[in-house]
Amino acid sequence: MLRNESPEPARRLRAPTRHGEALCDPPLATAVDVLRTNRQLLQIAESHDVHGQSLHDLRREARAEIARLAGAYTSAYRDVSAPCDLHGASPIIMSGHQPELVHPGVWFKHFALHQLAQDLRAVPIHVLIDHDMQREPALHVPAGTPAQPQVTTVPYDQTAPALPHENRLILDPQRFTALGEQVRRGVQPWIRDPLIETMWPAAQAACQRGARLGQALAEARHVLEQHWGLQTYEVPMSHLCDTDAFRRFAAHLLGRLPIVHHEYNEALRSYRSANSLRSRSHPVPDLAEQDGWREAPFWIWSSSDPQRRPLFVQTRSGQVRLRAGGAESPNEHGRVPATVCEQTLSLSETGDASSAVAQLRDWRVRDGVILRPRAIVTTMYLRLVLSDLFLHGIGGAKYDEITDQLMARLFGCPGPRFVTLSATFRLPLTANPVGPDELRSAGHQLRDLWYHPERHLDGVAVPTEVAGPLLAQKREWIQAPAAASREEASVRHEAMQAINSQLRAWVAPQRQQMLEQLQELTDQARTDRQLTSREFSFCLFSSRLLPTALQRLATG
């Protein structure tokens, strides 16, 4: 996007509302055209200098590295063919997500990844975004009876301070191992053959090998996919970040940080304008600047202190100083580190970054310092350097409106196009839907009992000598001319309040009954939303039905 252009209108991406439907934007049948367009776009940027190396050569190096890493990582737990030679003409189709027990709409990307690779004779690689934070280790699982289903939360590990997936150990192996049988029993009234029954032995095997929590979940899911013929590679993002190709890409951004810092915030400003957002922290905060230090779009932590902290950079002639936060810069959990990691790179805005790459590598080996990209830089690297076609979910697609602008600003070419995929599947749970009219009616009646209690006195034993004068006074105040001053209006309001307060005592039982009814309706509506949610994990669904349905959607 050129500087004087107005931001493009916001994209409207919505998950399907009907069970069994998919979102494919653009349609999967057009993937070959998208792939061809992307290769043409990437050719425009191939000569871009990435601090001493062309983007073309960086792509060749990075793609060779990911072939080796993905082949080695995947073959450690499931049968795969030898890594293909990515120095050749084979395109790479890629997707990415956190290593979690996702819902079927996210799992759909894995089926589409396999199918598109088959159709386009491409290499399918799924990247585990394992430097994101681990969520609460628990599943939402149906409970109760078929007649009165409920939703319960089943933990599969101890609750602990949030850590990146790549650092999160399994703290309670016994609880983790027991999840498969516990969930199987829970869903038995509705699902006779849940997928977790087939996949959990692989999770248990990974746990016994000492795998990290996210790693065990991802391996179990990937082994399960092999049962359905899905031939894909997987590799953690943490492994890619420990390559020299990524270090050069990071050094390129760090060496040009004054420009990157400005353009990053400008891309965010443009996105907020296009989407009518006022908050400067949505969808992500602006990069900060304080005391001559600029925040970079990276996270940093160390093996001895695995709490993510923002990376700050100070640029001086021929040198770039890095530090993890600062004395007044706490980590994302509010804790100020006792020690602050610091490093100086021999790096100017232009020139060769080979020395900086070696310094970043030594920093990692010597001090255990871990440098990871934030979301926008993550997908920028995956789409611009590693892949020819990327498969996004809805959330990632929205984020990458920012990434597209940033790539255009920094690399001089439009961002490669991607495909946005999602699907909606719901468990066969019987709900008792509460319509909005019921909730609205109950709320209206409660309000009427409060402000107009006189309308609800029929059948209430109210002494006429008490109610009569009160009702007459209220009619007089209602029929009185409009107040001429604020003081008169205040007198009228206080008088009406006093009358209503006395009348409410006679309808208090009705109001209490209506309050209980509204609470029951609200609880029922909440339960209904939970029971009909599309967010239940794929592993709760039928192994006979869900994979077949996803395969059908992936083949069009």
Protein backbone atom coordinates (compact mmCIF):
# COMPACT_ATOMS: atom_id res chain seq x y z
CA MET A 1 0.00 0.00 0.00
CA LEU A 2 1.45 3.37 -0.96
CA ARG A 3 1.70 6.08 1.68
CA ASN A 4 -1.04 8.27 0.20
CA GLU A 5 -3.52 5.47 -0.33
CA SER A 6 -6.44 5.13 2.02
CA PRO A 7 -6.69 1.82 3.88
CA GLU A 8 -8.54 -0.99 2.15
CA PRO A 9 -11.99 -1.86 3.51
CA ALA A 10 -11.95 -4.43 6.29
CA ARG A 11 -12.42 -8.04 5.19
CA ARG A 12 -15.58 -9.67 6.50
CA LEU A 13 -14.77 -13.25 7.39
CA ARG A 14 -17.35 -15.23 9.32
CA ALA A 15 -17.33 -18.83 10.48
CA PRO A 16 -20.14 -20.92 8.96
CA THR A 17 -23.25 -21.05 11.12
CA ARG A 18 -24.52 -24.40 9.87
CA HIS A 19 -23.19 -27.75 11.05
CA GLY A 20 -20.94 -29.40 8.48
CA GLU A 21 -20.25 -26.29 6.38
CA ALA A 22 -16.85 -24.80 5.57
CA LEU A 23 -15.40 -21.40 4.79
CA CYS A 24 -12.84 -21.44 1.97
CA ASP A 25 -11.74 -17.98 0.85
CA PRO A 26 -10.82 -18.15 -1.99
CA PRO A 27 -12.28 -21.56 -2.96
CA LEU A 28 -9.85 -24.46 -2.79
CA ALA A 29 -10.39 -25.10 -6.49
CA THR A 30 -8.58 -21.83 -7.25
CA ALA A 31 -5.46 -22.75 -5.21
CA VAL A 32 -3.39 -23.42 -8.34
CA ASP A 33 -4.08 -19.86 -9.53
CA VAL A 34 -3.22 -18.44 -6.09
CA LEU A 35 0.02 -20.44 -6.08
CA ARG A 36 0.96 -19.16 -9.54
CA THR A 37 0.22 -15.57 -8.52
CA ASN A 38 2.29 -15.92 -5.36
CA ARG A 39 5.32 -17.16 -7.24
CA GLN A 40 5.08 -14.15 -9.54
CA LEU A 41 4.79 -11.79 -6.54
CA LEU A 42 7.76 -13.41 -4.82
CA GLN A 43 9.85 -12.96 -7.96
CA ILE A 44 9.31 -9.20 -7.62
CA ALA A 45 10.97 -9.25 -4.20
CA GLU A 46 13.68 -11.85 -4.89
CA SER A 47 16.37 -9.24 -5.43
CA HIS A 48 15.60 -7.46 -2.16
CA ASP A 49 18.77 -7.27 -0.08
CA VAL A 50 18.42 -8.97 3.31
CA HIS A 51 21.59 -7.57 4.82
CA GLY A 52 24.10 -9.17 2.47
CA GLN A 53 21.92 -11.90 1.00
CA SER A 54 19.17 -11.66 -1.60
CA LEU A 55 15.69 -12.74 -0.60
CA HIS A 56 15.95 -15.39 -3.33
CA ASP A 57 19.04 -16.93 -1.72
CA LEU A 58 17.57 -16.60 1.77
CA ARG A 59 14.50 -18.50 0.63
CA ARG A 60 16.64 -21.29 -0.84
CA GLU A 61 18.63 -21.60 2.39
CA ALA A 62 15.58 -21.46 4.65
CA ARG A 63 13.59 -23.97 2.58
CA ALA A 64 16.48 -26.44 2.64
CA GLU A 65 16.66 -26.06 6.42
CA ILE A 66 12.95 -26.60 6.93
CA ALA A 67 13.04 -29.72 4.74
CA ARG A 68 15.71 -31.21 6.95
CA LEU A 69 14.08 -30.12 10.22
CA ALA A 70 10.54 -31.16 9.31
CA GLY A 71 11.68 -34.56 8.09
CA ALA A 72 13.75 -35.23 11.20
CA TYR A 73 11.10 -33.98 13.60
CA THR A 74 8.20 -35.89 12.04
CA SER A 75 10.07 -39.16 11.58
CA ALA A 76 10.83 -39.27 15.31
CA TYR A 77 7.26 -40.35 16.08
CA ARG A 78 5.57 -41.49 12.84
CA ASP A 79 6.48 -43.05 9.53
CA VAL A 80 7.25 -40.54 6.79
CA SER A 81 9.18 -40.69 3.58
CA ALA A 82 12.60 -39.10 3.35
CA PRO A 83 12.53 -35.28 3.19
CA CYS A 84 12.20 -34.10 -0.35
CA ASP A 85 14.78 -31.85 -1.99
CA LEU A 86 13.41 -28.33 -1.69
CA HIS A 87 16.22 -26.93 -3.81
CA GLY A 88 14.09 -28.12 -6.70
CA ALA A 89 10.83 -26.76 -8.06
CA SER A 90 8.47 -28.31 -5.50
CA PRO A 91 6.23 -25.66 -3.98
CA ILE A 92 5.67 -25.59 -0.22
CA ILE A 93 2.17 -25.29 1.18
CA MET A 94 2.15 -24.39 4.84
CA SER A 95 -0.20 -23.91 7.77
CA GLY A 96 0.40 -23.14 11.41
CA HIS A 97 -1.27 -23.23 14.80
CA GLN A 98 -0.55 -23.62 18.50
CA PRO A 99 -0.09 -27.26 19.63
CA GLU A 100 -3.48 -27.62 21.32
CA LEU A 101 -6.63 -29.75 21.20
CA VAL A 102 -8.32 -27.47 18.70
CA HIS A 103 -11.91 -27.42 17.44
CA PRO A 104 -12.85 -29.09 14.10
CA GLY A 105 -12.74 -25.78 12.23
CA VAL A 106 -9.03 -25.52 12.92
CA TRP A 107 -8.42 -29.22 12.28
CA PHE A 108 -9.95 -28.75 8.83
CA LYS A 109 -6.76 -26.93 7.78
CA HIS A 110 -4.78 -30.17 8.18
CA PHE A 111 -7.08 -32.03 5.80
CA ALA A 112 -6.94 -29.19 3.28
CA LEU A 113 -3.14 -29.04 3.62
CA HIS A 114 -2.85 -32.71 2.68
CA GLN A 115 -5.34 -32.51 -0.18
CA LEU A 116 -3.85 -29.37 -1.74
CA ALA A 117 -0.38 -30.90 -1.56
CA GLN A 118 -1.69 -33.94 -3.41
CA ASP A 119 -3.43 -31.82 -6.04
CA LEU A 120 -0.53 -29.39 -6.58
CA ARG A 121 2.34 -31.86 -6.05
CA ALA A 122 3.58 -29.69 -3.24
CA VAL A 123 5.29 -30.28 0.10
CA PRO A 124 2.81 -29.91 3.00
CA ILE A 125 4.30 -28.58 6.26
CA HIS A 126 2.40 -27.63 9.39
CA VAL A 127 4.30 -25.35 11.79
CA LEU A 128 3.63 -25.71 15.50
CA ILE A 129 3.55 -22.19 16.90
CA ASP A 130 5.13 -23.31 20.14
CA HIS A 131 6.46 -19.95 21.29
CA ASP A 132 2.90 -18.78 22.01
CA MET A 133 1.61 -19.09 25.56
CA GLN A 134 0.08 -22.33 26.81
CA ARG A 135 -3.59 -21.93 27.67
CA GLU A 136 -5.32 -23.49 30.65
CA PRO A 137 -4.71 -27.28 30.32
CA ALA A 138 -8.35 -28.36 30.33
CA LEU A 139 -11.07 -29.58 27.98
CA HIS A 140 -14.73 -28.63 27.94
CA VAL A 141 -16.59 -31.96 27.86
CA PRO A 142 -20.32 -32.84 27.85
CA ALA A 143 -21.72 -34.21 31.10
CA GLY A 144 -25.09 -35.04 32.62
CA THR A 145 -27.67 -37.11 30.79
CA PRO A 146 -28.97 -37.10 27.21
CA ALA A 147 -32.17 -35.51 28.51
CA GLN A 148 -30.32 -32.85 30.53
CA PRO A 149 -26.81 -32.36 29.14
CA GLN A 150 -24.36 -29.99 30.76
CA VAL A 151 -20.76 -28.94 30.10
CA THR A 152 -17.96 -29.65 32.52
CA THR A 153 -14.26 -28.75 32.51
CA VAL A 154 -11.80 -31.64 32.62
CA PRO A 155 -8.17 -30.67 33.40
CA TYR A 156 -5.41 -32.75 31.84
CA ASP A 157 -2.50 -31.25 33.78
CA GLN A 158 -1.80 -29.09 36.79
CA THR A 159 -2.50 -25.38 36.58
CA ALA A 160 0.78 -23.48 36.53
CA PRO A 161 2.12 -20.02 35.63
CA ALA A 162 1.72 -19.45 31.91
CA LEU A 163 4.77 -20.36 29.83
CA PRO A 164 5.44 -20.68 26.10
CA HIS A 165 4.47 -24.10 24.77
CA GLU A 166 8.11 -24.95 24.08
CA ASN A 167 8.92 -24.58 27.79
CA ARG A 168 5.76 -26.10 29.30
CA LEU A 169 6.41 -29.52 30.83
CA ILE A 170 3.75 -32.09 31.75
CA LEU A 171 3.54 -31.62 35.51
CA ASP A 172 1.06 -34.39 36.30
CA PRO A 173 1.71 -37.38 33.99
CA GLN A 174 -0.90 -39.49 35.76
CA ARG A 175 -3.66 -36.98 35.18
CA PHE A 176 -2.52 -36.47 31.57
CA THR A 177 -2.48 -40.21 30.90
CA ALA A 178 -5.98 -40.66 32.34
CA LEU A 179 -7.61 -38.02 30.13
CA GLY A 180 -8.43 -40.37 27.27
CA GLU A 181 -10.52 -42.76 29.34
CA GLN A 182 -12.07 -39.94 31.37
CA VAL A 183 -13.26 -38.14 28.25
CA ARG A 184 -14.41 -41.36 26.59
CA ARG A 185 -16.68 -42.12 29.54
CA GLY A 186 -17.95 -38.53 29.63
CA VAL A 187 -19.10 -38.41 26.01
CA GLN A 188 -20.37 -42.01 25.90
CA PRO A 189 -24.07 -41.04 26.10
CA TRP A 190 -23.68 -39.06 22.85
CA ILE A 191 -20.55 -40.30 21.04
CA ARG A 192 -19.79 -44.03 21.01
CA ASP A 193 -16.47 -43.73 19.16
CA PRO A 194 -14.73 -40.45 20.13
CA LEU A 195 -11.49 -39.71 18.33
CA ILE A 196 -9.62 -39.38 21.61
CA GLU A 197 -9.98 -43.14 21.99
CA THR A 198 -7.75 -43.68 18.96
CA MET A 199 -5.33 -40.81 19.46
CA TRP A 200 -4.61 -40.91 23.18
CA PRO A 201 -2.21 -43.89 23.18
CA ALA A 202 0.16 -41.74 21.10
CA ALA A 203 -0.20 -38.92 23.64
CA GLN A 204 0.61 -41.35 26.45
CA ALA A 205 3.67 -42.61 24.57
CA ALA A 206 4.91 -39.04 24.07
CA CYS A 207 4.36 -38.33 27.76
CA GLN A 208 6.41 -41.38 28.72
CA ARG A 209 9.24 -40.13 26.49
CA GLY A 210 9.27 -36.86 28.43
CA ALA A 211 7.67 -34.72 25.71
CA ARG A 212 6.49 -31.21 26.50
CA LEU A 213 2.75 -30.75 26.95
CA GLY A 214 2.05 -29.12 23.59
CA GLN A 215 4.42 -31.51 21.82
CA ALA A 216 2.55 -34.55 23.21
CA LEU A 217 -0.82 -33.14 22.08
CA ALA A 218 0.48 -32.32 18.60
CA GLU A 219 2.14 -35.72 18.13
CA ALA A 220 -1.04 -37.53 19.15
CA ARG A 221 -3.08 -35.52 16.68
CA HIS A 222 -0.54 -36.02 13.89
CA VAL A 223 -0.36 -39.79 14.46
CA LEU A 224 -4.16 -39.88 14.35
CA GLU A 225 -4.10 -38.07 11.00
CA GLN A 226 -1.90 -40.82 9.61
CA HIS A 227 -4.76 -43.28 10.24
CA TRP A 228 -6.80 -41.21 7.80
CA GLY A 229 -4.12 -41.08 5.13
CA LEU A 230 -2.96 -37.51 5.74
CA GLN A 231 0.66 -37.22 4.60
CA THR A 232 2.09 -34.03 6.04
CA TYR A 233 5.24 -32.89 7.82
CA GLU A 234 5.30 -30.97 11.09
CA VAL A 235 7.96 -28.83 12.71
CA PRO A 236 7.95 -26.49 15.74
CA MET A 237 8.53 -22.80 15.13
CA SER A 238 11.16 -22.93 17.87
CA HIS A 239 13.25 -25.23 15.64
CA LEU A 240 12.97 -22.80 12.73
CA CYS A 241 14.01 -19.88 14.93
CA ASP A 242 17.22 -21.70 15.80
CA THR A 243 18.41 -21.62 12.17
CA ASP A 244 20.78 -19.11 10.59
CA ALA A 245 18.19 -18.25 7.95
CA PHE A 246 15.78 -17.01 10.59
CA ARG A 247 18.59 -15.23 12.47
CA ARG A 248 19.46 -13.32 9.29
CA PHE A 249 15.82 -12.37 8.79
CA ALA A 250 15.64 -11.19 12.41
CA ALA A 251 18.93 -9.31 12.08
CA HIS A 252 17.57 -7.60 8.96
CA LEU A 253 14.59 -6.27 10.92
CA LEU A 254 16.69 -5.35 13.95
CA GLY A 255 19.26 -3.52 11.85
CA ARG A 256 16.49 -1.42 10.30
CA LEU A 257 14.46 -1.13 13.48
CA PRO A 258 13.87 2.66 13.33
CA ILE A 259 12.12 2.06 9.97
CA VAL A 260 10.48 -1.20 11.05
CA HIS A 261 9.24 0.41 14.28
CA HIS A 262 7.61 3.27 12.39
CA GLU A 263 6.10 1.15 9.63
CA TYR A 264 4.80 -1.47 12.09
CA ASN A 265 2.89 1.18 14.03
CA GLU A 266 1.68 2.80 10.82
CA ALA A 267 0.34 -0.54 9.58
CA LEU A 268 -1.50 -0.94 12.89
CA ARG A 269 -2.92 2.57 12.58
CA SER A 270 -4.17 1.83 9.07
CA TYR A 271 -5.74 -1.46 10.23
CA ARG A 272 -7.54 0.26 13.10
CA SER A 273 -8.83 2.94 10.76
CA ALA A 274 -10.14 0.37 8.27
CA ASN A 275 -11.82 -1.63 11.06
CA SER A 276 -13.09 1.41 13.05
CA LEU A 277 -11.08 0.46 16.14
CA ARG A 278 -10.26 3.14 18.70
CA SER A 279 -8.18 1.11 21.14
CA ARG A 280 -4.41 1.42 20.61
CA SER A 281 -3.97 -2.05 22.12
CA HIS A 282 -6.18 -3.88 19.60
CA PRO A 283 -5.50 -6.19 17.84
CA VAL A 284 -1.98 -5.80 19.30
CA PRO A 285 -0.36 -2.82 21.04
CA ASP A 286 1.85 -0.36 19.23
CA LEU A 287 5.57 -0.89 19.62
CA ALA A 288 6.76 1.34 22.45
CA GLU A 289 9.68 3.74 22.66
CA GLN A 290 11.33 4.85 25.90
CA ASP A 291 14.59 6.59 26.79
CA GLY A 292 16.17 5.99 23.40
CA TRP A 293 15.14 2.30 23.29
CA ARG A 294 12.67 1.06 20.71
CA GLU A 295 10.54 -2.03 21.20
CA ALA A 296 11.08 -4.66 18.51
CA PRO A 297 8.41 -7.12 17.25
CA PHE A 298 10.10 -10.01 19.05
CA TRP A 299 9.88 -11.84 22.36
CA ILE A 300 12.95 -12.78 24.37
CA TRP A 301 13.59 -15.01 27.35
CA SER A 302 16.21 -17.43 28.58
CA SER A 303 16.29 -21.11 29.48
CA SER A 304 16.93 -20.13 33.13
CA ASP A 305 14.03 -17.61 33.20
CA PRO A 306 11.38 -18.76 30.68
CA GLN A 307 9.05 -15.78 31.10
CA ARG A 308 8.50 -13.91 27.83
CA ARG A 309 9.62 -10.30 27.83
CA PRO A 310 9.56 -7.64 25.11
CA LEU A 311 12.79 -7.03 23.24
CA PHE A 312 14.09 -3.45 23.26
CA VAL A 313 16.72 -2.15 20.86
CA GLN A 314 19.04 0.84 20.83
CA THR A 315 20.63 1.69 17.49
CA ARG A 316 23.98 3.45 17.28
CA SER A 317 26.59 3.79 14.55
CA GLY A 318 27.33 0.29 13.31
CA GLN A 319 25.99 -1.38 16.44
CA VAL A 320 22.63 -2.58 17.73
CA ARG A 321 22.15 -3.12 21.46
CA LEU A 322 19.50 -5.63 22.53
CA ARG A 323 17.98 -6.03 25.94
CA ALA A 324 15.11 -7.99 27.42
CA GLY A 325 12.87 -5.24 28.69
CA GLY A 326 14.62 -3.01 31.17
CA ALA A 327 14.68 -1.81 34.75
CA GLU A 328 11.25 -0.28 34.32
CA SER A 329 9.96 -2.78 31.79
CA PRO A 330 8.32 -5.86 33.40
CA ASN A 331 7.53 -9.01 31.55
CA GLU A 332 4.01 -9.65 30.26
CA HIS A 333 2.96 -10.99 33.68
CA GLY A 334 4.03 -7.81 35.46
CA ARG A 335 7.23 -9.16 37.02
CA VAL A 336 10.42 -7.15 36.65
CA PRO A 337 13.33 -9.53 35.94
CA ALA A 338 16.15 -9.62 38.44
CA THR A 339 18.67 -9.61 35.61
CA VAL A 340 18.33 -8.16 32.15
CA CYS A 341 19.74 -10.00 29.15
CA GLU A 342 21.88 -7.72 26.99
CA GLN A 343 23.82 -8.22 23.77
CA THR A 344 25.45 -5.97 21.21
CA LEU A 345 25.34 -6.88 17.53
CA SER A 346 27.74 -5.63 14.89
CA LEU A 347 24.97 -4.48 12.61
CA SER A 348 24.24 -1.35 10.60
CA GLU A 349 21.15 -0.43 8.62
CA THR A 350 22.80 -1.83 5.48
CA GLY A 351 25.70 -4.18 4.83
CA ASP A 352 26.26 -7.82 5.70
CA ALA A 353 24.62 -9.39 8.75
CA SER A 354 26.86 -12.45 8.93
CA SER A 355 28.61 -11.23 12.09
CA ALA A 356 25.25 -10.45 13.74
CA VAL A 357 23.96 -13.91 12.80
CA ALA A 358 26.98 -15.51 14.47
CA GLN A 359 26.55 -13.30 17.55
CA LEU A 360 22.87 -14.29 17.88
CA ARG A 361 23.86 -17.95 17.51
CA ASP A 362 26.56 -17.62 20.19
CA TRP A 363 24.15 -15.78 22.51
CA ARG A 364 21.75 -18.72 22.21
CA VAL A 365 24.44 -21.35 22.87
CA ARG A 366 26.38 -19.48 25.55
CA ASP A 367 23.58 -17.89 27.61
CA GLY A 368 20.52 -19.88 26.57
CA VAL A 369 18.82 -16.72 25.27
CA ILE A 370 15.74 -17.42 23.17
CA LEU A 371 14.60 -14.95 20.49
CA ARG A 372 11.16 -15.47 19.01
CA PRO A 373 8.99 -13.41 16.64
CA ARG A 374 5.65 -11.90 17.54
CA ALA A 375 2.58 -12.93 15.58
CA ILE A 376 2.93 -10.52 12.65
CA VAL A 377 6.62 -11.28 12.10
CA THR A 378 5.94 -15.01 12.49
CA THR A 379 3.53 -15.14 9.57
CA MET A 380 5.67 -12.69 7.60
CA TYR A 381 8.58 -15.14 7.79
CA LEU A 382 6.42 -18.18 7.02
CA ARG A 383 4.73 -16.57 4.03
CA LEU A 384 7.55 -14.49 2.58
CA VAL A 385 10.56 -16.73 3.17
CA LEU A 386 9.41 -20.34 3.60
CA SER A 387 6.20 -21.07 1.74
CA ASP A 388 4.54 -20.56 -1.62
CA LEU A 389 1.01 -20.78 -0.25
CA PHE A 390 -0.19 -20.38 3.33
CA LEU A 391 -3.42 -21.67 4.86
CA HIS A 392 -4.86 -19.39 7.54
CA GLY A 393 -7.75 -19.57 9.96
CA ILE A 394 -10.07 -16.61 10.39
CA GLY A 395 -8.08 -15.06 13.24
CA GLY A 396 -4.78 -15.33 11.39
CA ALA A 397 -6.32 -13.92 8.24
CA LYS A 398 -7.47 -10.82 10.11
CA TYR A 399 -4.02 -10.37 11.66
CA ASP A 400 -2.38 -10.67 8.28
CA GLU A 401 -4.16 -7.63 6.93
CA ILE A 402 -1.49 -5.89 9.03
CA THR A 403 1.24 -8.27 7.82
CA ASP A 404 0.38 -7.59 4.18
CA GLN A 405 0.77 -3.85 4.70
CA LEU A 406 4.05 -4.30 6.58
CA MET A 407 5.51 -6.57 3.87
CA ALA A 408 4.60 -4.01 1.21
CA ARG A 409 6.20 -1.22 3.23
CA LEU A 410 9.40 -3.12 4.08
CA PHE A 411 9.97 -5.38 1.06
CA GLY A 412 8.34 -3.40 -1.72
CA CYS A 413 5.93 -6.07 -2.92
CA PRO A 414 2.37 -7.10 -2.08
CA GLY A 415 2.12 -9.90 0.43
CA PRO A 416 1.66 -13.37 -1.11
CA ARG A 417 -1.99 -14.37 -1.11
CA PHE A 418 -3.25 -16.95 1.35
CA VAL A 419 -6.30 -19.17 1.72
CA THR A 420 -8.59 -18.71 4.72
CA LEU A 421 -10.21 -21.89 6.00
CA SER A 422 -12.58 -22.82 8.78
CA ALA A 423 -15.50 -25.17 9.37
CA THR A 424 -18.32 -25.60 11.85
CA PHE A 425 -19.22 -28.89 13.51
CA ARG A 426 -21.35 -29.35 16.60
CA LEU A 427 -21.75 -32.27 18.94
CA PRO A 428 -25.16 -34.04 18.86
CA LEU A 429 -26.29 -32.60 22.20
CA THR A 430 -29.92 -31.89 22.94
CA ALA A 431 -30.40 -28.27 23.90
CA ASN A 432 -33.44 -26.44 25.24
CA PRO A 433 -33.12 -23.19 23.36
CA VAL A 434 -34.22 -19.98 25.01
CA GLY A 435 -35.27 -17.40 22.47
CA PRO A 436 -34.32 -13.74 22.79
CA ASP A 437 -38.02 -12.87 23.06
CA GLU A 438 -38.32 -14.90 26.27
CA LEU A 439 -35.37 -13.15 27.87
CA ARG A 440 -36.58 -9.78 26.65
CA SER A 441 -40.08 -10.38 27.98
CA ALA A 442 -38.84 -11.46 31.40
CA GLY A 443 -36.55 -8.44 31.61
CA HIS A 444 -39.37 -6.11 30.57
CA GLN A 445 -41.69 -7.56 33.22
CA LEU A 446 -39.06 -7.11 35.93
CA ARG A 447 -38.61 -3.49 34.90
CA ASP A 448 -42.36 -2.97 34.93
CA LEU A 449 -42.66 -4.45 38.42
CA TRP A 450 -40.06 -1.95 39.59
CA TYR A 451 -41.31 1.24 37.93
CA HIS A 452 -45.05 0.45 37.64
CA PRO A 453 -45.91 -1.87 40.54
CA GLU A 454 -49.52 -0.59 40.46
CA ARG A 455 -50.09 -2.57 37.24
CA HIS A 456 -49.52 -5.84 39.08
CA LEU A 457 -51.80 -5.44 42.11
CA ASP A 458 -54.63 -7.57 40.72
CA GLY A 459 -55.10 -10.55 42.98
CA VAL A 460 -52.92 -9.01 45.68
CA ALA A 461 -54.57 -8.43 49.05
CA VAL A 462 -53.89 -4.72 49.38
CA PRO A 463 -56.09 -2.69 51.79
CA THR A 464 -57.99 -0.15 49.76
CA GLU A 465 -57.44 2.54 52.36
CA VAL A 466 -53.67 2.13 51.82
CA ALA A 467 -53.43 1.59 48.09
CA GLY A 468 -56.13 4.05 47.03
CA PRO A 469 -54.40 7.27 48.17
CA LEU A 470 -51.03 6.09 46.79
CA LEU A 471 -52.48 5.31 43.37
CA ALA A 472 -54.30 8.65 43.30
CA GLN A 473 -51.09 10.53 44.16
CA LYS A 474 -49.18 8.73 41.42
CA ARG A 475 -51.86 9.54 38.82
CA GLU A 476 -51.69 13.20 39.81
CA TRP A 477 -47.92 13.30 39.40
CA ILE A 478 -48.13 11.51 36.04
CA GLN A 479 -50.81 13.89 34.74
CA ALA A 480 -49.10 17.01 36.10
CA PRO A 481 -47.62 19.46 33.58
CA ALA A 482 -43.96 19.01 32.73
CA ALA A 483 -41.59 20.43 35.33
CA ALA A 484 -40.47 23.99 34.58
CA SER A 485 -37.17 23.73 36.43
CA ARG A 486 -34.61 21.19 37.59
CA GLU A 487 -35.78 21.67 41.18
CA GLU A 488 -39.41 20.87 40.27
CA ALA A 489 -38.27 17.80 38.30
CA SER A 490 -36.28 16.61 41.32
CA VAL A 491 -39.30 17.02 43.62
CA ARG A 492 -41.47 15.07 41.16
CA HIS A 493 -38.87 12.26 40.85
CA GLU A 494 -38.47 11.89 44.62
CA ALA A 495 -42.23 11.81 45.14
CA MET A 496 -42.71 9.11 42.50
CA GLN A 497 -39.85 7.09 43.97
CA ALA A 498 -41.43 7.25 47.44
CA ILE A 499 -44.80 6.08 46.12
CA ASN A 500 -43.25 3.26 44.07
CA SER A 501 -41.21 2.14 47.06
CA GLN A 502 -44.36 1.66 49.11
CA LEU A 503 -46.22 -0.11 46.28
CA ARG A 504 -43.28 -2.47 45.61
CA ALA A 505 -43.71 -4.07 48.98
CA TRP A 506 -47.01 -5.55 47.79
CA VAL A 507 -45.55 -7.05 44.61
CA ALA A 508 -42.26 -8.24 46.14
CA PRO A 509 -43.23 -11.94 45.90
CA GLN A 510 -44.03 -11.51 42.20
CA ARG A 511 -40.74 -9.74 41.58
CA GLN A 512 -38.79 -12.43 43.43
CA GLN A 513 -40.49 -15.10 41.37
CA MET A 514 -39.69 -13.19 38.17
CA LEU A 515 -36.07 -12.74 39.24
CA GLU A 516 -35.75 -16.50 39.72
CA GLN A 517 -37.42 -17.13 36.38
CA LEU A 518 -35.07 -14.71 34.60
CA GLN A 519 -32.05 -16.33 36.27
CA GLU A 520 -33.28 -19.75 35.16
CA LEU A 521 -33.76 -18.53 31.60
CA THR A 522 -30.31 -16.89 31.62
CA ASP A 523 -28.66 -20.07 32.91
CA GLN A 524 -30.52 -22.12 30.35
CA ALA A 525 -29.46 -19.77 27.54
CA ARG A 526 -25.83 -19.99 28.71
CA THR A 527 -25.98 -23.78 28.78
CA ASP A 528 -27.58 -23.77 25.36
CA ARG A 529 -24.74 -21.65 23.96
CA GLN A 530 -22.22 -24.06 25.46
CA LEU A 531 -23.98 -27.15 24.14
CA THR A 532 -24.28 -25.76 20.61
CA SER A 533 -20.77 -24.28 20.55
CA ARG A 534 -18.43 -24.99 17.62
CA GLU A 535 -15.47 -24.74 20.03
CA PHE A 536 -15.56 -28.30 21.40
CA SER A 537 -12.28 -30.09 20.68
CA PHE A 538 -12.16 -32.32 17.61
CA CYS A 539 -11.13 -35.26 19.81
CA LEU A 540 -14.65 -35.46 21.29
CA PHE A 541 -16.26 -36.11 17.91
CA SER A 542 -17.03 -39.42 16.24
CA SER A 543 -14.08 -41.12 14.58
CA ARG A 544 -16.56 -42.55 12.09
CA LEU A 545 -18.11 -39.22 11.06
CA LEU A 546 -15.84 -36.20 11.56
CA PRO A 547 -12.70 -37.19 9.56
CA THR A 548 -14.85 -38.36 6.65
CA ALA A 549 -16.74 -35.06 6.66
CA LEU A 550 -13.52 -33.03 6.75
CA GLN A 551 -12.04 -35.06 3.91
CA ARG A 552 -15.16 -34.41 1.86
CA LEU A 553 -14.92 -30.65 2.50
CA ALA A 554 -11.22 -30.64 1.60
CA THR A 555 -11.84 -32.32 -1.74
CA GLY A 556 -14.56 -29.82 -2.61
